[in-house]
Amino acid sequence: MNPSMLLATDAHGVATLTMNRPDKLNAFDVPMIDLWHRLLTEACEDSAVKVIVLTGAGRAFCAGGDVDSFLDFRRWDSIERKDYLWKHVHRIVFALERAEKPVIAAINGLARGAGMDMALMCDMRIMAESATLAESYINMGLIAGDAGTYFLPRMVGTARALELFWTGRTVTAAEAERIGIANRVVPDDRLHDAVTETARAIAAQPQEAVRMFKRAVYQGLTMPLAAHLDMVSSHMSVVIDTKDHKAKVDAFLNRPKRENGTGKTKA
């Protein structure tokens, strides 16, 4: 049987995590979630990995929770249901929150319910033109149990988030880009190349600065301005001592000079 999650890292330091249950539209069950957490942790701890990409096999990104698992979920008592979320699904949320490396969702097809929320947990989202999203919990009389209500309002605002939660309607890729969920929308046959180009461009940047930018942006969302400025001034002081900074400065100072048309050279 094929593994439900795949991890592959290229020579540029881009690790791709692929949800691999295409016959189930990549809906997750407990074994898949546990493997997902293990591979995500492995990618986060691997010093050769600089950027992580999350995508789905086949025509879906992720359809949310597996129907068979949901039937079990309904049979459990309230403590068992809470433990399922806390001990399994929420481990992905916390792992992504702790990840210092950039995480890009390559949304190749439909993303529903928890599948949409998994994309929201990533730092960036690049969507194929035909891909769609939906906070579809309400259509089953449920609410988001895996932080969709935390992430979505921070992206699109309270009123728009509530509309999507209350209606459960489908959001096209074009709308997702317009309202700030998707960074970019590309033709379906360009998704892999577009995500790879973006991931490799980030992987080629000074990694200490990349990680510090991520920390500063997310921590800044909950910090007073004075505390934030205190933090980023410390970050700035630290990165100036890195080899990457020194190499960038040397390259800038030693760049070839060119004439400005007056016979004089300029930087």
C-alpha atoms as a PDB file:
ATOM      1  CA  MET A   1       0.000   0.000   0.000  1.00  0.00           C
ATOM      2  CA  ASN A   2       1.310   3.467  -0.879  1.00  0.00           C
ATOM      3  CA  PRO A   3       2.176   5.752   2.056  1.00  0.00           C
ATOM      4  CA  SER A   4      -0.467   8.397   2.741  1.00  0.00           C
ATOM      5  CA  MET A   5       2.170  11.155   2.945  1.00  0.00           C
ATOM      6  CA  LEU A   6       5.324  11.566   0.867  1.00  0.00           C
ATOM      7  CA  LEU A   7       8.411  13.674   1.548  1.00  0.00           C
ATOM      8  CA  ALA A   8      10.982  14.542  -1.114  1.00  0.00           C
ATOM      9  CA  THR A   9      13.782  17.139  -0.917  1.00  0.00           C
ATOM     10  CA  ASP A  10      15.535  18.553  -3.965  1.00  0.00           C
ATOM     11  CA  ALA A  11      19.121  19.775  -4.343  1.00  0.00           C
ATOM     12  CA  HIS A  12      18.018  23.370  -3.660  1.00  0.00           C
ATOM     13  CA  GLY A  13      16.729  22.589  -0.176  1.00  0.00           C
ATOM     14  CA  VAL A  14      13.028  22.552  -1.081  1.00  0.00           C
ATOM     15  CA  ALA A  15      11.153  19.757   0.706  1.00  0.00           C
ATOM     16  CA  THR A  16       7.765  18.780  -0.748  1.00  0.00           C
ATOM     17  CA  LEU A  17       5.199  17.116   1.497  1.00  0.00           C
ATOM     18  CA  THR A  18       2.516  15.460  -0.613  1.00  0.00           C
ATOM     19  CA  MET A  19      -0.804  14.260   0.764  1.00  0.00           C
ATOM     20  CA  ASN A  20      -1.101  10.945  -1.046  1.00  0.00           C
ATOM     21  CA  ARG A  21      -4.621   9.549  -0.833  1.00  0.00           C
ATOM     22  CA  PRO A  22      -5.902  10.675  -4.252  1.00  0.00           C
ATOM     23  CA  ASP A  23      -8.707   8.084  -4.245  1.00  0.00           C
ATOM     24  CA  LYS A  24     -10.015   9.783  -1.073  1.00  0.00           C
ATOM     25  CA  LEU A  25      -9.313  13.320  -2.349  1.00  0.00           C
ATOM     26  CA  ASN A  26      -6.481  13.331   0.206  1.00  0.00           C
ATOM     27  CA  ALA A  27      -8.929  13.302   3.118  1.00  0.00           C
ATOM     28  CA  PHE A  28      -7.002  12.463   6.270  1.00  0.00           C
ATOM     29  CA  ASP A  29      -7.425   9.766   8.894  1.00  0.00           C
ATOM     30  CA  VAL A  30      -5.412   9.203  12.087  1.00  0.00           C
ATOM     31  CA  PRO A  31      -2.553   7.196  10.489  1.00  0.00           C
ATOM     32  CA  MET A  32      -2.166   9.865   7.790  1.00  0.00           C
ATOM     33  CA  ILE A  33      -2.150  12.702  10.347  1.00  0.00           C
ATOM     34  CA  ASP A  34       0.444  10.911  12.460  1.00  0.00           C
ATOM     35  CA  LEU A  35       2.681  10.288   9.420  1.00  0.00           C
ATOM     36  CA  TRP A  36       2.155  13.889   8.339  1.00  0.00           C
ATOM     37  CA  HIS A  37       3.354  15.123  11.722  1.00  0.00           C
ATOM     38  CA  ARG A  38       6.406  12.859  11.648  1.00  0.00           C
ATOM     39  CA  LEU A  39       7.476  13.918   8.149  1.00  0.00           C
ATOM     40  CA  LEU A  40       6.796  17.595   8.847  1.00  0.00           C
ATOM     41  CA  THR A  41       8.936  17.391  11.978  1.00  0.00           C
ATOM     42  CA  GLU A  42      11.649  15.645   9.986  1.00  0.00           C
ATOM     43  CA  ALA A  43      11.647  18.408   7.372  1.00  0.00           C
ATOM     44  CA  CYS A  44      11.711  21.119  10.030  1.00  0.00           C
ATOM     45  CA  GLU A  45      14.689  19.521  11.772  1.00  0.00           C
ATOM     46  CA  ASP A  46      16.686  18.725   8.610  1.00  0.00           C
ATOM     47  CA  SER A  47      19.370  21.387   8.177  1.00  0.00           C
ATOM     48  CA  ALA A  48      19.420  20.730   4.415  1.00  0.00           C
ATOM     49  CA  VAL A  49      15.773  21.838   4.110  1.00  0.00           C
ATOM     50  CA  LYS A  50      15.235  25.561   3.639  1.00  0.00           C
ATOM     51  CA  VAL A  51      11.637  25.754   2.370  1.00  0.00           C
ATOM     52  CA  ILE A  52       8.709  23.350   2.775  1.00  0.00           C
ATOM     53  CA  VAL A  53       5.945  22.911   0.182  1.00  0.00           C
ATOM     54  CA  LEU A  54       2.629  21.223   1.013  1.00  0.00           C
ATOM     55  CA  THR A  55       0.498  19.866  -1.831  1.00  0.00           C
ATOM     56  CA  GLY A  56      -1.892  17.058  -2.750  1.00  0.00           C
ATOM     57  CA  ALA A  57      -1.725  14.144  -5.170  1.00  0.00           C
ATOM     58  CA  GLY A  58      -4.348  13.879  -7.901  1.00  0.00           C
ATOM     59  CA  ARG A  59      -7.183  16.358  -8.381  1.00  0.00           C
ATOM     60  CA  ALA A  60      -7.539  17.541  -4.782  1.00  0.00           C
ATOM     61  CA  PHE A  61      -5.443  19.424  -2.280  1.00  0.00           C
ATOM     62  CA  CYS A  62      -7.319  17.997   0.710  1.00  0.00           C
ATOM     63  CA  ALA A  63     -11.010  17.248   1.260  1.00  0.00           C
ATOM     64  CA  GLY A  64     -10.678  17.499   5.054  1.00  0.00           C
ATOM     65  CA  GLY A  65     -11.359  14.596   7.396  1.00  0.00           C
ATOM     66  CA  ASP A  66     -12.007  11.118   6.034  1.00  0.00           C
ATOM     67  CA  VAL A  67     -15.693  10.110   6.087  1.00  0.00           C
ATOM     68  CA  ASP A  68     -15.004   6.732   7.730  1.00  0.00           C
ATOM     69  CA  SER A  69     -13.001   8.451  10.464  1.00  0.00           C
ATOM     70  CA  PHE A  70     -15.829  10.933  10.913  1.00  0.00           C
ATOM     71  CA  LEU A  71     -18.301   8.095  11.500  1.00  0.00           C
ATOM     72  CA  ASP A  72     -16.015   6.835  14.273  1.00  0.00           C
ATOM     73  CA  PHE A  73     -15.751  10.415  15.549  1.00  0.00           C
ATOM     74  CA  ARG A  74     -19.549  10.588  15.958  1.00  0.00           C
ATOM     75  CA  ARG A  75     -19.620   7.361  17.957  1.00  0.00           C
ATOM     76  CA  TRP A  76     -17.056   8.579  20.497  1.00  0.00           C
ATOM     77  CA  ASP A  77     -17.917  10.534  23.611  1.00  0.00           C
ATOM     78  CA  SER A  78     -16.991  14.203  23.908  1.00  0.00           C
ATOM     79  CA  ILE A  79     -13.650  13.559  25.655  1.00  0.00           C
ATOM     80  CA  GLU A  80     -12.587  11.060  22.981  1.00  0.00           C
ATOM     81  CA  ARG A  81     -13.474  13.560  20.238  1.00  0.00           C
ATOM     82  CA  LYS A  82     -11.514  16.335  21.908  1.00  0.00           C
ATOM     83  CA  ASP A  83      -8.540  14.015  22.409  1.00  0.00           C
ATOM     84  CA  TYR A  84      -8.613  13.051  18.711  1.00  0.00           C
ATOM     85  CA  LEU A  85      -8.297  16.702  17.728  1.00  0.00           C
ATOM     86  CA  TRP A  86      -5.811  17.665  20.444  1.00  0.00           C
ATOM     87  CA  LYS A  87      -3.553  14.592  20.229  1.00  0.00           C
ATOM     88  CA  HIS A  88      -3.573  14.174  16.445  1.00  0.00           C
ATOM     89  CA  VAL A  89      -4.916  17.010  14.248  1.00  0.00           C
ATOM     90  CA  HIS A  90      -3.704  19.852  16.461  1.00  0.00           C
ATOM     91  CA  ARG A  91      -0.158  18.516  16.380  1.00  0.00           C
ATOM     92  CA  ILE A  92      -0.017  19.648  12.739  1.00  0.00           C
ATOM     93  CA  VAL A  93      -1.221  23.121  13.723  1.00  0.00           C
ATOM     94  CA  PHE A  94       1.420  23.476  16.423  1.00  0.00           C
ATOM     95  CA  ALA A  95       4.170  22.030  14.229  1.00  0.00           C
ATOM     96  CA  LEU A  96       3.402  24.557  11.485  1.00  0.00           C
ATOM     97  CA  GLU A  97       3.247  27.380  14.019  1.00  0.00           C
ATOM     98  CA  ARG A  98       6.683  26.408  15.378  1.00  0.00           C
ATOM     99  CA  ALA A  99       8.240  25.915  11.942  1.00  0.00           C
ATOM    100  CA  GLU A 100      10.895  28.575  11.393  1.00  0.00           C
ATOM    101  CA  LYS A 101      11.222  27.637   7.736  1.00  0.00           C
ATOM    102  CA  PRO A 102       8.844  29.098   5.126  1.00  0.00           C
ATOM    103  CA  VAL A 103       5.908  26.805   4.307  1.00  0.00           C
ATOM    104  CA  ILE A 104       4.104  27.225   0.966  1.00  0.00           C
ATOM    105  CA  ALA A 105       0.771  25.568   0.153  1.00  0.00           C
ATOM    106  CA  ALA A 106       0.582  24.561  -3.507  1.00  0.00           C
ATOM    107  CA  ILE A 107      -3.193  24.270  -3.854  1.00  0.00           C
ATOM    108  CA  ASN A 108      -3.673  22.021  -6.851  1.00  0.00           C
ATOM    109  CA  GLY A 109      -7.388  21.285  -6.506  1.00  0.00           C
ATOM    110  CA  LEU A 110     -10.308  21.430  -4.112  1.00  0.00           C
ATOM    111  CA  ALA A 111      -9.698  22.179  -0.433  1.00  0.00           C
ATOM    112  CA  ARG A 112     -12.648  21.695   1.898  1.00  0.00           C
ATOM    113  CA  GLY A 113     -13.131  22.203   5.624  1.00  0.00           C
ATOM    114  CA  ALA A 114     -10.002  21.144   7.465  1.00  0.00           C
ATOM    115  CA  GLY A 115      -8.276  20.828   4.093  1.00  0.00           C
ATOM    116  CA  MET A 116      -8.748  24.557   3.524  1.00  0.00           C
ATOM    117  CA  ASP A 117      -7.626  25.267   7.068  1.00  0.00           C
ATOM    118  CA  MET A 118      -4.414  23.277   6.540  1.00  0.00           C
ATOM    119  CA  ALA A 119      -3.642  25.640   3.647  1.00  0.00           C
ATOM    120  CA  LEU A 120      -4.384  28.666   5.840  1.00  0.00           C
ATOM    121  CA  MET A 121      -1.784  27.465   8.350  1.00  0.00           C
ATOM    122  CA  CYS A 122       0.960  27.786   5.734  1.00  0.00           C
ATOM    123  CA  ASP A 123       2.864  31.047   5.254  1.00  0.00           C
ATOM    124  CA  MET A 124       1.941  31.435   1.588  1.00  0.00           C
ATOM    125  CA  ARG A 125      -0.622  29.956  -0.786  1.00  0.00           C
ATOM    126  CA  ILE A 126      -0.221  29.597  -4.542  1.00  0.00           C
ATOM    127  CA  MET A 127      -3.333  28.262  -6.291  1.00  0.00           C
ATOM    128  CA  ALA A 128      -4.069  26.606  -9.604  1.00  0.00           C
ATOM    129  CA  GLU A 129      -6.758  28.449 -11.577  1.00  0.00           C
ATOM    130  CA  SER A 130      -9.229  25.573 -11.253  1.00  0.00           C
ATOM    131  CA  ALA A 131      -8.662  25.072  -7.500  1.00  0.00           C
ATOM    132  CA  THR A 132     -11.427  26.003  -5.067  1.00  0.00           C
ATOM    133  CA  LEU A 133     -11.755  26.486  -1.322  1.00  0.00           C
ATOM    134  CA  ALA A 134     -14.648  26.176   1.119  1.00  0.00           C
ATOM    135  CA  GLU A 135     -15.125  26.380   4.868  1.00  0.00           C
ATOM    136  CA  SER A 136     -17.695  23.639   4.435  1.00  0.00           C
ATOM    137  CA  TYR A 137     -18.218  22.639   8.082  1.00  0.00           C
ATOM    138  CA  ILE A 138     -21.580  24.406   8.343  1.00  0.00           C
ATOM    139  CA  ASN A 139     -22.963  22.154   5.603  1.00  0.00           C
ATOM    140  CA  MET A 140     -22.586  19.250   8.058  1.00  0.00           C
ATOM    141  CA  GLY A 141     -23.728  21.237  11.095  1.00  0.00           C
ATOM    142  CA  LEU A 142     -20.158  21.512  12.410  1.00  0.00           C
ATOM    143  CA  ILE A 143     -17.639  24.217  13.248  1.00  0.00           C
ATOM    144  CA  ALA A 144     -13.940  24.360  12.404  1.00  0.00           C
ATOM    145  CA  GLY A 145     -12.059  22.354  15.014  1.00  0.00           C
ATOM    146  CA  ASP A 146      -8.525  22.944  13.796  1.00  0.00           C
ATOM    147  CA  ALA A 147      -7.887  26.708  13.944  1.00  0.00           C
ATOM    148  CA  GLY A 148      -9.692  27.889  10.826  1.00  0.00           C
ATOM    149  CA  THR A 149     -11.488  30.395  13.067  1.00  0.00           C
ATOM    150  CA  TYR A 150      -8.059  31.601  14.223  1.00  0.00           C
ATOM    151  CA  PHE A 151      -6.310  31.987  10.869  1.00  0.00           C
ATOM    152  CA  LEU A 152      -9.040  33.078   8.434  1.00  0.00           C
ATOM    153  CA  PRO A 153     -10.144  36.301  10.224  1.00  0.00           C
ATOM    154  CA  ARG A 154      -6.507  37.366  10.402  1.00  0.00           C
ATOM    155  CA  MET A 155      -6.303  37.141   6.603  1.00  0.00           C
ATOM    156  CA  VAL A 156      -9.626  38.457   5.387  1.00  0.00           C
ATOM    157  CA  GLY A 157     -11.158  40.273   8.374  1.00  0.00           C
ATOM    158  CA  THR A 158     -13.930  39.265  10.751  1.00  0.00           C
ATOM    159  CA  ALA A 159     -16.963  40.018   8.579  1.00  0.00           C
ATOM    160  CA  ARG A 160     -15.708  38.190   5.497  1.00  0.00           C
ATOM    161  CA  ALA A 161     -14.503  35.219   7.572  1.00  0.00           C
ATOM    162  CA  LEU A 162     -17.910  34.898   9.224  1.00  0.00           C
ATOM    163  CA  GLU A 163     -19.602  35.014   5.828  1.00  0.00           C
ATOM    164  CA  LEU A 164     -17.463  32.106   4.613  1.00  0.00           C
ATOM    165  CA  PHE A 165     -18.046  30.123   7.812  1.00  0.00           C
ATOM    166  CA  TRP A 166     -21.797  30.784   7.911  1.00  0.00           C
ATOM    167  CA  THR A 167     -22.501  30.082   4.244  1.00  0.00           C
ATOM    168  CA  GLY A 168     -19.948  27.337   3.547  1.00  0.00           C
ATOM    169  CA  ARG A 169     -19.871  28.603  -0.024  1.00  0.00           C
ATOM    170  CA  THR A 170     -17.174  27.785  -2.549  1.00  0.00           C
ATOM    171  CA  VAL A 171     -14.422  30.331  -3.152  1.00  0.00           C
ATOM    172  CA  THR A 172     -12.752  30.324  -6.557  1.00  0.00           C
ATOM    173  CA  ALA A 173      -9.020  30.833  -6.958  1.00  0.00           C
ATOM    174  CA  ALA A 174      -9.616  34.292  -8.436  1.00  0.00           C
ATOM    175  CA  GLU A 175     -11.679  35.357  -5.421  1.00  0.00           C
ATOM    176  CA  ALA A 176      -9.174  33.815  -3.015  1.00  0.00           C
ATOM    177  CA  GLU A 177      -6.469  36.003  -4.545  1.00  0.00           C
ATOM    178  CA  ARG A 178      -8.697  39.086  -4.492  1.00  0.00           C
ATOM    179  CA  ILE A 179      -9.583  38.790  -0.788  1.00  0.00           C
ATOM    180  CA  GLY A 180      -6.065  37.962   0.345  1.00  0.00           C
ATOM    181  CA  ILE A 181      -6.091  34.196   0.889  1.00  0.00           C
ATOM    182  CA  ALA A 182      -3.986  33.313  -2.161  1.00  0.00           C
ATOM    183  CA  ASN A 183      -0.697  35.044  -2.882  1.00  0.00           C
ATOM    184  CA  ARG A 184      -0.957  34.157  -6.536  1.00  0.00           C
ATOM    185  CA  VAL A 185      -3.079  32.198  -9.030  1.00  0.00           C
ATOM    186  CA  VAL A 186      -1.448  30.448 -11.978  1.00  0.00           C
ATOM    187  CA  PRO A 187      -2.636  28.201 -14.828  1.00  0.00           C
ATOM    188  CA  ASP A 188      -3.051  24.618 -13.676  1.00  0.00           C
ATOM    189  CA  ASP A 189      -0.161  23.370 -15.780  1.00  0.00           C
ATOM    190  CA  ARG A 190       2.108  26.084 -14.323  1.00  0.00           C
ATOM    191  CA  LEU A 191       1.464  25.391 -10.626  1.00  0.00           C
ATOM    192  CA  HIS A 192       4.404  23.070 -10.029  1.00  0.00           C
ATOM    193  CA  ASP A 193       6.858  25.328 -11.847  1.00  0.00           C
ATOM    194  CA  ALA A 194       5.539  28.508 -10.188  1.00  0.00           C
ATOM    195  CA  VAL A 195       5.768  27.036  -6.701  1.00  0.00           C
ATOM    196  CA  THR A 196       9.192  25.558  -7.387  1.00  0.00           C
ATOM    197  CA  GLU A 197      10.519  28.892  -8.691  1.00  0.00           C
ATOM    198  CA  THR A 198       9.198  30.745  -5.648  1.00  0.00           C
ATOM    199  CA  ALA A 199      10.449  28.158  -3.170  1.00  0.00           C
ATOM    200  CA  ARG A 200      13.907  28.025  -4.722  1.00  0.00           C
ATOM    201  CA  ALA A 201      14.133  31.829  -4.811  1.00  0.00           C
ATOM    202  CA  ILE A 202      13.448  31.925  -1.063  1.00  0.00           C
ATOM    203  CA  ALA A 203      15.802  28.998  -0.429  1.00  0.00           C
ATOM    204  CA  ALA A 204      18.588  30.933  -2.152  1.00  0.00           C
ATOM    205  CA  GLN A 205      18.259  33.862   0.263  1.00  0.00           C
ATOM    206  CA  PRO A 206      20.271  34.218   3.518  1.00  0.00           C
ATOM    207  CA  GLN A 207      18.479  31.756   5.758  1.00  0.00           C
ATOM    208  CA  GLU A 208      19.030  33.429   9.111  1.00  0.00           C
ATOM    209  CA  ALA A 209      17.390  36.578   7.734  1.00  0.00           C
ATOM    210  CA  VAL A 210      14.543  34.519   6.245  1.00  0.00           C
ATOM    211  CA  ARG A 211      13.831  32.909   9.623  1.00  0.00           C
ATOM    212  CA  MET A 212      14.065  36.208  11.498  1.00  0.00           C
ATOM    213  CA  PHE A 213      11.633  37.875   9.091  1.00  0.00           C
ATOM    214  CA  LYS A 214       9.141  35.083   9.767  1.00  0.00           C
ATOM    215  CA  ARG A 215       9.512  35.422  13.529  1.00  0.00           C
ATOM    216  CA  ALA A 216       9.245  39.214  13.396  1.00  0.00           C
ATOM    217  CA  VAL A 217       6.086  39.199  11.262  1.00  0.00           C
ATOM    218  CA  TYR A 218       4.166  36.611  13.290  1.00  0.00           C
ATOM    219  CA  GLN A 219       5.301  37.796  16.712  1.00  0.00           C
ATOM    220  CA  GLY A 220       4.590  41.376  15.672  1.00  0.00           C
ATOM    221  CA  LEU A 221       0.893  40.535  15.278  1.00  0.00           C
ATOM    222  CA  THR A 222       0.531  40.217  19.047  1.00  0.00           C
ATOM    223  CA  MET A 223       3.204  42.625  20.339  1.00  0.00           C
ATOM    224  CA  PRO A 224       3.089  46.300  21.316  1.00  0.00           C
ATOM    225  CA  LEU A 225       5.093  48.491  18.945  1.00  0.00           C
ATOM    226  CA  ALA A 226       7.808  49.284  21.501  1.00  0.00           C
ATOM    227  CA  ALA A 227       8.379  45.598  22.246  1.00  0.00           C
ATOM    228  CA  HIS A 228       8.432  44.815  18.541  1.00  0.00           C
ATOM    229  CA  LEU A 229      11.033  47.488  17.817  1.00  0.00           C
ATOM    230  CA  ASP A 230      13.130  46.222  20.695  1.00  0.00           C
ATOM    231  CA  MET A 231      12.978  42.714  19.210  1.00  0.00           C
ATOM    232  CA  VAL A 232      13.770  43.656  15.599  1.00  0.00           C
ATOM    233  CA  SER A 233      16.668  45.887  16.653  1.00  0.00           C
ATOM    234  CA  SER A 234      18.151  42.810  18.353  1.00  0.00           C
ATOM    235  CA  HIS A 235      17.512  40.717  15.232  1.00  0.00           C
ATOM    236  CA  MET A 236      19.194  43.345  13.065  1.00  0.00           C
ATOM    237  CA  SER A 237      22.224  43.406  15.349  1.00  0.00           C
ATOM    238  CA  VAL A 238      22.539  39.620  15.169  1.00  0.00           C
ATOM    239  CA  VAL A 239      22.232  39.213  11.378  1.00  0.00           C
ATOM    240  CA  ILE A 240      24.983  41.758  10.784  1.00  0.00           C
ATOM    241  CA  ASP A 241      27.394  39.205  12.287  1.00  0.00           C
ATOM    242  CA  THR A 242      26.318  36.385   9.927  1.00  0.00           C
ATOM    243  CA  LYS A 243      28.486  35.087   7.098  1.00  0.00           C
ATOM    244  CA  ASP A 244      25.617  35.639   4.645  1.00  0.00           C
ATOM    245  CA  HIS A 245      25.434  39.356   5.448  1.00  0.00           C
ATOM    246  CA  LYS A 246      29.173  39.786   5.112  1.00  0.00           C
ATOM    247  CA  ALA A 247      29.186  37.939   1.777  1.00  0.00           C
ATOM    248  CA  LYS A 248      26.331  40.106   0.444  1.00  0.00           C
ATOM    249  CA  VAL A 249      28.109  43.309   1.492  1.00  0.00           C
ATOM    250  CA  ASP A 250      31.403  42.158  -0.054  1.00  0.00           C
ATOM    251  CA  ALA A 251      29.628  41.281  -3.303  1.00  0.00           C
ATOM    252  CA  PHE A 252      27.968  44.715  -3.374  1.00  0.00           C
ATOM    253  CA  LEU A 253      31.200  46.619  -2.681  1.00  0.00           C
ATOM    254  CA  ASN A 254      33.138  44.604  -5.256  1.00  0.00           C
ATOM    255  CA  ARG A 255      30.530  44.703  -8.019  1.00  0.00           C
ATOM    256  CA  PRO A 256      31.764  45.809 -11.469  1.00  0.00           C
ATOM    257  CA  LYS A 257      31.666  49.547 -12.104  1.00  0.00           C
ATOM    258  CA  ARG A 258      29.898  50.862 -15.206  1.00  0.00           C
ATOM    259  CA  GLU A 259      30.044  54.140 -17.103  1.00  0.00           C
ATOM    260  CA  ASN A 260      27.123  56.554 -16.817  1.00  0.00           C
ATOM    261  CA  GLY A 261      27.422  58.001 -20.337  1.00  0.00           C
ATOM    262  CA  THR A 262      29.583  60.959 -19.312  1.00  0.00           C
ATOM    263  CA  GLY A 263      32.828  59.041 -19.275  1.00  0.00           C
ATOM    264  CA  LYS A 264      32.598  58.693 -15.521  1.00  0.00           C
ATOM    265  CA  THR A 265      31.984  55.462 -13.688  1.00  0.00           C
ATOM    266  CA  LYS A 266      29.180  54.969 -11.223  1.00  0.00           C
ATOM    267  CA  ALA A 267      28.139  52.252  -8.830  1.00  0.00           C
END
